[in-house]
Amino acid sequence: MSANNPAKMSLGVNPNDAAVVALGGNVAGDYGSSEALLEAALARFAEAGLPILRRSSWWRSAAWPDPSDQEYRNGVVLVEARLSPEALIRTLFMLENEFGRMRSVRNAPRTLDLDLIAHGRIVSDDPELTLPHPRAHERLFVMGPLAQIAPDWRHPVLGRTAAELAASATVGLDAAPL
């Protein structure tokens, strides 16, 4: 699969059985652009035990809560759900750290933000790892890219498809593909 082009879903792979990971960032760090940093992060996924099944194009959206900050780049990947949700989230945190993620104040500008949106059909209210992600369904910058690569993916709790959720998103309505 080319790192620069969205790939087709492998035949026989149900997107509802995959793990859904959202990527975002608005600080380029040493990479020249947020897109370059996100591409470099994606290149590390397979080495980290997260084989990518499909990926979206990059989307742009205004920074929040301060729209004067650098614009965000976002995307979504489906990865094989080989790891447990707990092991997968630890791997995502490790990748964030590798790419210079600093956790200071909530919603601060960042190099790399990796969110586990869903892990197959698992539903969990654990405070350490809530699945599916409790706010992803409201965010166009998550549901838009997901609808791009898996429009029929169904939210494990709401039962609505990614395409339906993108159409009814209430946050990040300026989000659009690059």
N, C-alpha and C. Protein backbone atom coordinates (compact mmCIF):
# COMPACT_ATOMS: atom_id res chain seq x y z
N MET A 1 0.85 -1.17 0.00
CA MET A 1 0.00 0.00 0.00
C MET A 1 0.89 1.23 0.00
N SER A 2 0.57 2.16 -0.85
CA SER A 2 1.33 3.40 -0.90
C SER A 2 1.00 4.26 0.30
N ALA A 3 2.00 4.86 0.89
CA ALA A 3 1.77 5.74 2.04
C ALA A 3 1.08 7.03 1.64
N ASN A 4 1.11 7.38 0.33
CA ASN A 4 0.54 8.64 -0.09
C ASN A 4 -0.87 8.54 -0.65
N ASN A 5 -1.35 7.35 -0.91
CA ASN A 5 -2.67 7.19 -1.49
C ASN A 5 -3.54 6.29 -0.63
N PRO A 6 -4.82 6.70 -0.44
CA PRO A 6 -5.71 5.81 0.30
C PRO A 6 -5.77 4.46 -0.40
N ALA A 7 -5.76 3.39 0.40
CA ALA A 7 -5.76 2.04 -0.16
C ALA A 7 -7.15 1.44 -0.12
N LYS A 8 -7.38 0.48 -0.95
CA LYS A 8 -8.65 -0.24 -0.95
C LYS A 8 -8.64 -1.24 0.21
N MET A 9 -9.80 -1.48 0.77
CA MET A 9 -9.94 -2.46 1.84
C MET A 9 -9.64 -3.83 1.27
N SER A 10 -8.89 -4.61 2.00
CA SER A 10 -8.62 -5.97 1.58
C SER A 10 -9.92 -6.73 1.48
N LEU A 11 -10.05 -7.52 0.43
CA LEU A 11 -11.27 -8.31 0.28
C LEU A 11 -11.44 -9.24 1.47
N GLY A 12 -12.65 -9.40 1.92
CA GLY A 12 -12.93 -10.29 3.03
C GLY A 12 -12.72 -9.67 4.40
N VAL A 13 -12.23 -8.43 4.46
CA VAL A 13 -12.01 -7.77 5.74
C VAL A 13 -13.21 -6.89 6.05
N ASN A 14 -13.85 -7.15 7.17
CA ASN A 14 -14.99 -6.36 7.59
C ASN A 14 -14.48 -5.20 8.43
N PRO A 15 -14.78 -3.95 8.01
CA PRO A 15 -14.27 -2.81 8.77
C PRO A 15 -14.76 -2.79 10.22
N ASN A 16 -15.87 -3.46 10.49
CA ASN A 16 -16.39 -3.52 11.85
C ASN A 16 -15.57 -4.43 12.75
N ASP A 17 -14.66 -5.22 12.16
CA ASP A 17 -13.78 -6.09 12.94
C ASP A 17 -12.41 -5.45 13.15
N ALA A 18 -12.14 -4.34 12.49
CA ALA A 18 -10.84 -3.67 12.58
C ALA A 18 -10.82 -2.70 13.76
N ALA A 19 -9.64 -2.22 14.08
CA ALA A 19 -9.50 -1.11 15.02
C ALA A 19 -9.48 0.17 14.19
N VAL A 20 -10.17 1.18 14.68
CA VAL A 20 -10.24 2.48 14.01
C VAL A 20 -9.37 3.45 14.81
N VAL A 21 -8.38 4.04 14.14
CA VAL A 21 -7.47 4.97 14.79
C VAL A 21 -7.53 6.31 14.05
N ALA A 22 -7.78 7.38 14.79
CA ALA A 22 -7.75 8.73 14.23
C ALA A 22 -6.39 9.34 14.49
N LEU A 23 -5.86 10.04 13.50
CA LEU A 23 -4.58 10.73 13.60
C LEU A 23 -4.83 12.22 13.41
N GLY A 24 -4.09 13.01 14.14
CA GLY A 24 -4.20 14.45 13.94
C GLY A 24 -2.99 15.16 14.50
N GLY A 25 -2.85 16.41 14.10
CA GLY A 25 -1.78 17.24 14.63
C GLY A 25 -1.77 18.58 13.93
N ASN A 26 -1.15 19.55 14.61
CA ASN A 26 -1.01 20.87 14.00
C ASN A 26 0.36 21.51 14.29
N VAL A 27 1.31 20.71 14.75
CA VAL A 27 2.68 21.18 14.97
C VAL A 27 3.59 20.23 14.18
N ALA A 28 4.35 20.78 13.23
CA ALA A 28 5.15 19.94 12.33
C ALA A 28 6.40 19.37 12.98
N GLY A 29 6.85 19.95 14.08
CA GLY A 29 8.09 19.47 14.70
C GLY A 29 9.24 19.55 13.70
N ASP A 30 10.01 18.48 13.58
CA ASP A 30 11.16 18.45 12.68
C ASP A 30 10.80 18.01 11.27
N TYR A 31 9.52 17.91 10.95
CA TYR A 31 9.11 17.28 9.69
C TYR A 31 8.73 18.26 8.59
N GLY A 32 8.73 19.57 8.84
CA GLY A 32 8.44 20.54 7.80
C GLY A 32 6.96 20.83 7.60
N SER A 33 6.12 19.82 7.78
CA SER A 33 4.68 20.02 7.68
C SER A 33 3.98 18.96 8.53
N SER A 34 2.77 19.26 8.92
CA SER A 34 1.99 18.28 9.68
C SER A 34 1.72 17.03 8.85
N GLU A 35 1.50 17.21 7.53
CA GLU A 35 1.27 16.05 6.67
C GLU A 35 2.48 15.13 6.66
N ALA A 36 3.69 15.71 6.58
CA ALA A 36 4.91 14.90 6.57
C ALA A 36 5.06 14.14 7.89
N LEU A 37 4.76 14.81 8.99
CA LEU A 37 4.85 14.14 10.30
C LEU A 37 3.84 12.99 10.37
N LEU A 38 2.61 13.22 9.90
CA LEU A 38 1.59 12.17 9.94
C LEU A 38 1.98 11.00 9.04
N GLU A 39 2.56 11.29 7.88
CA GLU A 39 3.03 10.21 6.99
C GLU A 39 4.13 9.40 7.68
N ALA A 40 5.05 10.09 8.35
CA ALA A 40 6.12 9.39 9.07
C ALA A 40 5.55 8.52 10.18
N ALA A 41 4.54 9.02 10.87
CA ALA A 41 3.90 8.22 11.92
C ALA A 41 3.25 6.99 11.32
N LEU A 42 2.55 7.16 10.21
CA LEU A 42 1.91 6.00 9.56
C LEU A 42 2.95 4.96 9.16
N ALA A 43 4.10 5.42 8.71
CA ALA A 43 5.16 4.49 8.30
C ALA A 43 5.62 3.63 9.47
N ARG A 44 5.44 4.09 10.68
CA ARG A 44 5.84 3.34 11.89
C ARG A 44 4.78 2.35 12.35
N PHE A 45 3.56 2.46 11.85
CA PHE A 45 2.47 1.60 12.35
C PHE A 45 2.79 0.11 12.20
N ALA A 46 3.17 -0.34 11.01
CA ALA A 46 3.41 -1.77 10.80
C ALA A 46 4.53 -2.28 11.70
N GLU A 47 5.62 -1.50 11.82
CA GLU A 47 6.74 -1.89 12.69
C GLU A 47 6.28 -2.01 14.14
N ALA A 48 5.27 -1.23 14.52
CA ALA A 48 4.77 -1.23 15.90
C ALA A 48 3.67 -2.28 16.10
N GLY A 49 3.45 -3.15 15.11
CA GLY A 49 2.45 -4.21 15.25
C GLY A 49 1.04 -3.77 14.90
N LEU A 50 0.92 -2.70 14.09
CA LEU A 50 -0.38 -2.18 13.70
C LEU A 50 -0.51 -2.16 12.17
N PRO A 51 -0.69 -3.33 11.55
CA PRO A 51 -0.80 -3.35 10.09
C PRO A 51 -2.02 -2.55 9.62
N ILE A 52 -1.77 -1.62 8.70
CA ILE A 52 -2.84 -0.76 8.17
C ILE A 52 -3.60 -1.51 7.09
N LEU A 53 -4.90 -1.55 7.24
CA LEU A 53 -5.77 -2.17 6.25
C LEU A 53 -6.26 -1.15 5.23
N ARG A 54 -6.51 0.06 5.71
CA ARG A 54 -7.01 1.13 4.85
C ARG A 54 -6.76 2.46 5.52
N ARG A 55 -6.57 3.51 4.71
CA ARG A 55 -6.35 4.83 5.27
C ARG A 55 -7.10 5.87 4.46
N SER A 56 -7.45 6.95 5.13
CA SER A 56 -8.12 8.05 4.47
C SER A 56 -7.10 9.01 3.88
N SER A 57 -7.59 9.97 3.14
CA SER A 57 -6.74 11.10 2.76
C SER A 57 -6.62 12.01 3.97
N TRP A 58 -5.76 13.01 3.88
CA TRP A 58 -5.64 13.98 4.97
C TRP A 58 -6.74 15.02 4.83
N TRP A 59 -7.27 15.42 5.98
CA TRP A 59 -8.28 16.45 6.05
C TRP A 59 -7.71 17.63 6.80
N ARG A 60 -8.27 18.80 6.60
CA ARG A 60 -7.87 20.00 7.33
C ARG A 60 -9.05 20.49 8.15
N SER A 61 -8.74 21.13 9.28
CA SER A 61 -9.78 21.75 10.10
C SER A 61 -9.14 22.83 10.96
N ALA A 62 -9.95 23.80 11.32
CA ALA A 62 -9.46 24.90 12.16
C ALA A 62 -9.08 24.36 13.54
N ALA A 63 -8.10 25.00 14.14
CA ALA A 63 -7.71 24.65 15.51
C ALA A 63 -8.84 25.01 16.46
N TRP A 64 -8.95 24.25 17.53
CA TRP A 64 -9.96 24.50 18.55
C TRP A 64 -9.31 24.27 19.91
N PRO A 65 -9.51 25.05 20.89
CA PRO A 65 -10.50 26.13 21.01
C PRO A 65 -10.01 27.46 20.46
N ASP A 66 -8.74 27.56 20.04
CA ASP A 66 -8.21 28.83 19.56
C ASP A 66 -7.96 28.75 18.06
N PRO A 67 -8.89 29.26 17.25
CA PRO A 67 -8.75 29.14 15.80
C PRO A 67 -7.55 29.92 15.24
N SER A 68 -6.88 30.73 16.06
CA SER A 68 -5.69 31.43 15.58
C SER A 68 -4.46 30.51 15.59
N ASP A 69 -4.56 29.35 16.27
CA ASP A 69 -3.47 28.37 16.23
C ASP A 69 -3.40 27.77 14.82
N GLN A 70 -2.30 27.10 14.54
CA GLN A 70 -2.10 26.45 13.25
C GLN A 70 -3.25 25.47 12.96
N GLU A 71 -3.69 25.42 11.71
CA GLU A 71 -4.75 24.52 11.27
C GLU A 71 -4.34 23.06 11.51
N TYR A 72 -5.32 22.21 11.79
CA TYR A 72 -5.06 20.79 12.02
C TYR A 72 -5.09 20.00 10.73
N ARG A 73 -4.36 18.90 10.75
CA ARG A 73 -4.47 17.87 9.72
C ARG A 73 -4.96 16.63 10.44
N ASN A 74 -5.91 15.94 9.81
CA ASN A 74 -6.51 14.76 10.42
C ASN A 74 -6.67 13.66 9.39
N GLY A 75 -6.75 12.44 9.85
CA GLY A 75 -7.03 11.30 9.02
C GLY A 75 -7.43 10.12 9.89
N VAL A 76 -7.84 9.05 9.25
CA VAL A 76 -8.26 7.83 9.96
C VAL A 76 -7.66 6.64 9.24
N VAL A 77 -7.25 5.65 10.03
CA VAL A 77 -6.81 4.37 9.48
C VAL A 77 -7.58 3.25 10.14
N LEU A 78 -7.77 2.20 9.37
CA LEU A 78 -8.24 0.93 9.93
C LEU A 78 -7.02 0.05 10.05
N VAL A 79 -6.82 -0.53 11.22
CA VAL A 79 -5.69 -1.42 11.43
C VAL A 79 -6.21 -2.77 11.90
N GLU A 80 -5.42 -3.79 11.64
CA GLU A 80 -5.78 -5.12 12.13
C GLU A 80 -5.86 -5.07 13.65
N ALA A 81 -6.91 -5.62 14.19
CA ALA A 81 -7.11 -5.62 15.64
C ALA A 81 -6.42 -6.83 16.26
N ARG A 82 -5.11 -6.94 16.04
CA ARG A 82 -4.32 -8.05 16.59
C ARG A 82 -4.09 -7.89 18.09
N LEU A 83 -3.82 -6.66 18.52
CA LEU A 83 -3.52 -6.38 19.91
C LEU A 83 -4.80 -6.17 20.70
N SER A 84 -4.73 -6.41 22.00
CA SER A 84 -5.86 -6.08 22.86
C SER A 84 -6.04 -4.56 22.83
N PRO A 85 -7.22 -4.05 23.19
CA PRO A 85 -7.39 -2.59 23.23
C PRO A 85 -6.35 -1.92 24.13
N GLU A 86 -6.04 -2.51 25.25
CA GLU A 86 -5.08 -1.93 26.19
C GLU A 86 -3.68 -1.89 25.58
N ALA A 87 -3.27 -2.97 24.92
CA ALA A 87 -1.95 -2.99 24.28
C ALA A 87 -1.92 -2.02 23.09
N LEU A 88 -3.01 -1.92 22.37
CA LEU A 88 -3.07 -1.01 21.24
C LEU A 88 -2.94 0.44 21.70
N ILE A 89 -3.66 0.83 22.75
CA ILE A 89 -3.58 2.22 23.23
C ILE A 89 -2.17 2.53 23.76
N ARG A 90 -1.53 1.55 24.41
CA ARG A 90 -0.15 1.76 24.86
C ARG A 90 0.78 1.99 23.66
N THR A 91 0.56 1.23 22.59
CA THR A 91 1.36 1.40 21.39
C THR A 91 1.12 2.78 20.77
N LEU A 92 -0.12 3.24 20.76
CA LEU A 92 -0.42 4.57 20.23
C LEU A 92 0.27 5.65 21.06
N PHE A 93 0.25 5.51 22.38
CA PHE A 93 0.92 6.49 23.25
C PHE A 93 2.43 6.48 23.00
N MET A 94 3.00 5.30 22.79
CA MET A 94 4.43 5.18 22.50
C MET A 94 4.76 5.91 21.19
N LEU A 95 3.91 5.74 20.17
CA LEU A 95 4.15 6.43 18.90
C LEU A 95 4.01 7.94 19.07
N GLU A 96 3.02 8.39 19.82
CA GLU A 96 2.88 9.82 20.08
C GLU A 96 4.17 10.38 20.70
N ASN A 97 4.69 9.65 21.69
CA ASN A 97 5.93 10.09 22.35
C ASN A 97 7.10 10.15 21.38
N GLU A 98 7.22 9.14 20.51
CA GLU A 98 8.30 9.12 19.52
C GLU A 98 8.26 10.36 18.64
N PHE A 99 7.08 10.88 18.38
CA PHE A 99 6.92 12.02 17.49
C PHE A 99 6.77 13.33 18.25
N GLY A 100 7.22 13.33 19.50
CA GLY A 100 7.32 14.58 20.24
C GLY A 100 6.05 15.10 20.87
N ARG A 101 5.07 14.23 21.07
CA ARG A 101 3.82 14.68 21.70
C ARG A 101 4.09 15.11 23.14
N MET A 102 3.72 16.32 23.47
CA MET A 102 3.83 16.83 24.83
C MET A 102 2.41 17.03 25.36
N ARG A 103 2.11 16.45 26.48
CA ARG A 103 0.78 16.62 27.08
C ARG A 103 0.87 17.71 28.12
N SER A 104 0.33 18.86 27.78
CA SER A 104 0.34 19.99 28.72
C SER A 104 -1.12 20.27 29.10
N VAL A 105 -1.71 21.25 28.48
CA VAL A 105 -3.11 21.56 28.76
C VAL A 105 -3.99 20.89 27.71
N ARG A 106 -5.21 20.61 28.10
CA ARG A 106 -6.17 19.97 27.20
C ARG A 106 -6.36 20.82 25.95
N ASN A 107 -6.40 20.17 24.80
CA ASN A 107 -6.61 20.79 23.49
C ASN A 107 -5.48 21.72 23.05
N ALA A 108 -4.30 21.57 23.65
CA ALA A 108 -3.15 22.37 23.25
C ALA A 108 -2.67 21.91 21.87
N PRO A 109 -2.01 22.79 21.11
CA PRO A 109 -1.40 22.36 19.85
C PRO A 109 -0.50 21.15 20.10
N ARG A 110 -0.39 20.28 19.10
CA ARG A 110 0.38 19.04 19.29
C ARG A 110 0.94 18.53 17.98
N THR A 111 2.03 17.78 18.10
CA THR A 111 2.64 17.17 16.92
C THR A 111 1.78 16.01 16.42
N LEU A 112 1.40 15.13 17.34
CA LEU A 112 0.70 13.92 16.94
C LEU A 112 -0.30 13.53 18.01
N ASP A 113 -1.52 13.35 17.58
CA ASP A 113 -2.59 12.88 18.45
C ASP A 113 -3.14 11.62 17.81
N LEU A 114 -3.08 10.50 18.52
CA LEU A 114 -3.59 9.23 18.05
C LEU A 114 -4.71 8.80 18.99
N ASP A 115 -5.92 8.68 18.46
CA ASP A 115 -7.07 8.27 19.26
C ASP A 115 -7.59 6.93 18.78
N LEU A 116 -7.79 6.02 19.72
CA LEU A 116 -8.43 4.75 19.41
C LEU A 116 -9.93 5.01 19.41
N ILE A 117 -10.54 5.00 18.24
CA ILE A 117 -11.95 5.32 18.08
C ILE A 117 -12.80 4.09 18.38
N ALA A 118 -12.38 2.95 17.88
CA ALA A 118 -13.11 1.70 18.12
C ALA A 118 -12.14 0.55 17.95
N HIS A 119 -12.46 -0.55 18.60
CA HIS A 119 -11.68 -1.78 18.50
C HIS A 119 -12.68 -2.89 18.23
N GLY A 120 -12.91 -3.16 16.93
CA GLY A 120 -13.94 -4.12 16.57
C GLY A 120 -15.28 -3.67 17.12
N ARG A 121 -15.99 -4.60 17.74
CA ARG A 121 -17.32 -4.31 18.30
C ARG A 121 -17.26 -4.15 19.82
N ILE A 122 -16.07 -4.01 20.39
CA ILE A 122 -15.92 -3.92 21.85
C ILE A 122 -16.54 -2.63 22.38
N VAL A 123 -17.29 -2.77 23.45
CA VAL A 123 -17.86 -1.63 24.16
C VAL A 123 -17.33 -1.70 25.58
N SER A 124 -16.73 -0.58 26.04
CA SER A 124 -16.14 -0.54 27.37
C SER A 124 -16.34 0.84 27.98
N ASP A 125 -16.77 0.88 29.23
CA ASP A 125 -16.91 2.14 29.96
C ASP A 125 -15.77 2.34 30.95
N ASP A 126 -14.69 1.60 30.80
CA ASP A 126 -13.54 1.73 31.68
C ASP A 126 -13.01 3.16 31.61
N PRO A 127 -12.81 3.83 32.75
CA PRO A 127 -12.31 5.21 32.71
C PRO A 127 -10.94 5.35 32.05
N GLU A 128 -10.15 4.28 32.05
CA GLU A 128 -8.83 4.31 31.41
C GLU A 128 -8.92 4.20 29.89
N LEU A 129 -9.96 3.54 29.39
CA LEU A 129 -10.12 3.34 27.95
C LEU A 129 -11.59 3.10 27.64
N THR A 130 -12.26 4.16 27.24
CA THR A 130 -13.67 4.07 26.88
C THR A 130 -13.77 3.75 25.40
N LEU A 131 -14.51 2.69 25.08
CA LEU A 131 -14.72 2.29 23.68
C LEU A 131 -16.20 2.08 23.42
N PRO A 132 -16.68 2.56 22.28
CA PRO A 132 -15.95 3.40 21.35
C PRO A 132 -15.65 4.76 21.96
N HIS A 133 -14.79 5.52 21.29
CA HIS A 133 -14.41 6.85 21.76
C HIS A 133 -15.68 7.65 22.03
N PRO A 134 -15.79 8.28 23.19
CA PRO A 134 -17.07 8.89 23.60
C PRO A 134 -17.52 10.11 22.79
N ARG A 135 -16.63 10.76 22.04
CA ARG A 135 -17.04 11.96 21.30
C ARG A 135 -16.75 11.88 19.81
N ALA A 136 -16.14 10.83 19.35
CA ALA A 136 -15.74 10.74 17.94
C ALA A 136 -16.94 10.87 17.00
N HIS A 137 -18.08 10.34 17.38
CA HIS A 137 -19.24 10.37 16.50
C HIS A 137 -19.75 11.78 16.22
N GLU A 138 -19.35 12.75 17.05
CA GLU A 138 -19.78 14.15 16.89
C GLU A 138 -18.85 14.92 15.96
N ARG A 139 -17.67 14.40 15.65
CA ARG A 139 -16.59 15.13 15.00
C ARG A 139 -16.48 14.82 13.51
N LEU A 140 -16.70 15.83 12.69
CA LEU A 140 -16.58 15.64 11.25
C LEU A 140 -15.15 15.28 10.86
N PHE A 141 -14.15 15.81 11.58
CA PHE A 141 -12.76 15.51 11.22
C PHE A 141 -12.37 14.08 11.57
N VAL A 142 -13.25 13.32 12.23
CA VAL A 142 -13.06 11.89 12.44
C VAL A 142 -14.01 11.10 11.54
N MET A 143 -15.29 11.42 11.59
CA MET A 143 -16.28 10.65 10.84
C MET A 143 -16.18 10.88 9.34
N GLY A 144 -15.77 12.08 8.91
CA GLY A 144 -15.58 12.32 7.48
C GLY A 144 -14.52 11.40 6.88
N PRO A 145 -13.30 11.39 7.46
CA PRO A 145 -12.29 10.47 6.94
C PRO A 145 -12.69 9.00 7.08
N LEU A 146 -13.37 8.64 8.17
CA LEU A 146 -13.81 7.25 8.32
C LEU A 146 -14.84 6.90 7.25
N ALA A 147 -15.77 7.81 6.98
CA ALA A 147 -16.77 7.57 5.94
C ALA A 147 -16.11 7.45 4.57
N GLN A 148 -15.00 8.13 4.38
CA GLN A 148 -14.27 8.05 3.12
C GLN A 148 -13.75 6.64 2.85
N ILE A 149 -13.32 5.93 3.90
CA ILE A 149 -12.70 4.61 3.71
C ILE A 149 -13.59 3.45 4.11
N ALA A 150 -14.61 3.71 4.93
CA ALA A 150 -15.50 2.64 5.40
C ALA A 150 -16.88 3.23 5.69
N PRO A 151 -17.60 3.69 4.65
CA PRO A 151 -18.87 4.37 4.88
C PRO A 151 -19.90 3.51 5.62
N ASP A 152 -19.79 2.19 5.49
CA ASP A 152 -20.74 1.29 6.13
C ASP A 152 -20.31 0.82 7.52
N TRP A 153 -19.15 1.31 8.01
CA TRP A 153 -18.75 0.99 9.38
C TRP A 153 -19.86 1.43 10.31
N ARG A 154 -20.20 0.59 11.29
CA ARG A 154 -21.28 0.91 12.23
C ARG A 154 -20.74 1.17 13.62
N HIS A 155 -21.20 2.26 14.20
CA HIS A 155 -20.84 2.61 15.57
C HIS A 155 -21.35 1.50 16.49
N PRO A 156 -20.48 0.93 17.33
CA PRO A 156 -20.88 -0.22 18.16
C PRO A 156 -22.01 0.06 19.15
N VAL A 157 -22.25 1.31 19.50
CA VAL A 157 -23.33 1.63 20.45
C VAL A 157 -24.51 2.26 19.73
N LEU A 158 -24.25 3.24 18.89
CA LEU A 158 -25.32 3.99 18.23
C LEU A 158 -25.94 3.24 17.06
N GLY A 159 -25.18 2.31 16.48
CA GLY A 159 -25.69 1.52 15.36
C GLY A 159 -25.76 2.29 14.05
N ARG A 160 -25.31 3.52 14.02
CA ARG A 160 -25.34 4.32 12.81
C ARG A 160 -24.03 4.15 12.05
N THR A 161 -24.09 4.32 10.72
CA THR A 161 -22.90 4.15 9.90
C THR A 161 -22.01 5.38 9.98
N ALA A 162 -20.76 5.20 9.55
CA ALA A 162 -19.83 6.33 9.49
C ALA A 162 -20.38 7.42 8.58
N ALA A 163 -20.98 7.04 7.47
CA ALA A 163 -21.55 8.03 6.54
C ALA A 163 -22.68 8.81 7.22
N GLU A 164 -23.53 8.14 7.95
CA GLU A 164 -24.62 8.83 8.66
C GLU A 164 -24.07 9.75 9.73
N LEU A 165 -23.07 9.29 10.47
CA LEU A 165 -22.49 10.10 11.53
C LEU A 165 -21.76 11.31 10.96
N ALA A 166 -21.08 11.16 9.83
CA ALA A 166 -20.43 12.31 9.20
C ALA A 166 -21.47 13.35 8.80
N ALA A 167 -22.59 12.90 8.27
CA ALA A 167 -23.64 13.82 7.83
C ALA A 167 -24.31 14.55 8.99
N SER A 168 -24.25 13.97 10.20
CA SER A 168 -24.92 14.59 11.34
C SER A 168 -23.93 15.14 12.38
N ALA A 169 -22.64 15.21 12.02
CA ALA A 169 -21.62 15.71 12.95
C ALA A 169 -21.94 17.14 13.36
N THR A 170 -21.56 17.47 14.60
CA THR A 170 -21.84 18.81 15.14
C THR A 170 -20.56 19.58 15.51
N VAL A 171 -19.40 18.92 15.42
CA VAL A 171 -18.13 19.54 15.82
C VAL A 171 -17.18 19.48 14.62
N GLY A 172 -16.43 20.56 14.42
CA GLY A 172 -15.46 20.58 13.33
C GLY A 172 -16.09 20.61 11.95
N LEU A 173 -17.17 21.36 11.82
CA LEU A 173 -17.92 21.37 10.57
C LEU A 173 -17.15 21.99 9.40
N ASP A 174 -16.03 22.64 9.68
CA ASP A 174 -15.20 23.17 8.62
C ASP A 174 -14.26 22.12 8.03
N ALA A 175 -14.22 20.93 8.62
CA ALA A 175 -13.30 19.88 8.18
C ALA A 175 -13.59 19.50 6.73
N ALA A 176 -12.51 19.33 5.96
CA ALA A 176 -12.64 18.97 4.55
C ALA A 176 -11.37 18.28 4.09
N PRO A 177 -11.49 17.39 3.10
CA PRO A 177 -10.28 16.75 2.57
C PRO A 177 -9.36 17.78 1.93
N LEU A 178 -8.05 17.53 1.99
CA LEU A 178 -7.08 18.41 1.32
C LEU A 178 -7.18 18.23 -0.18
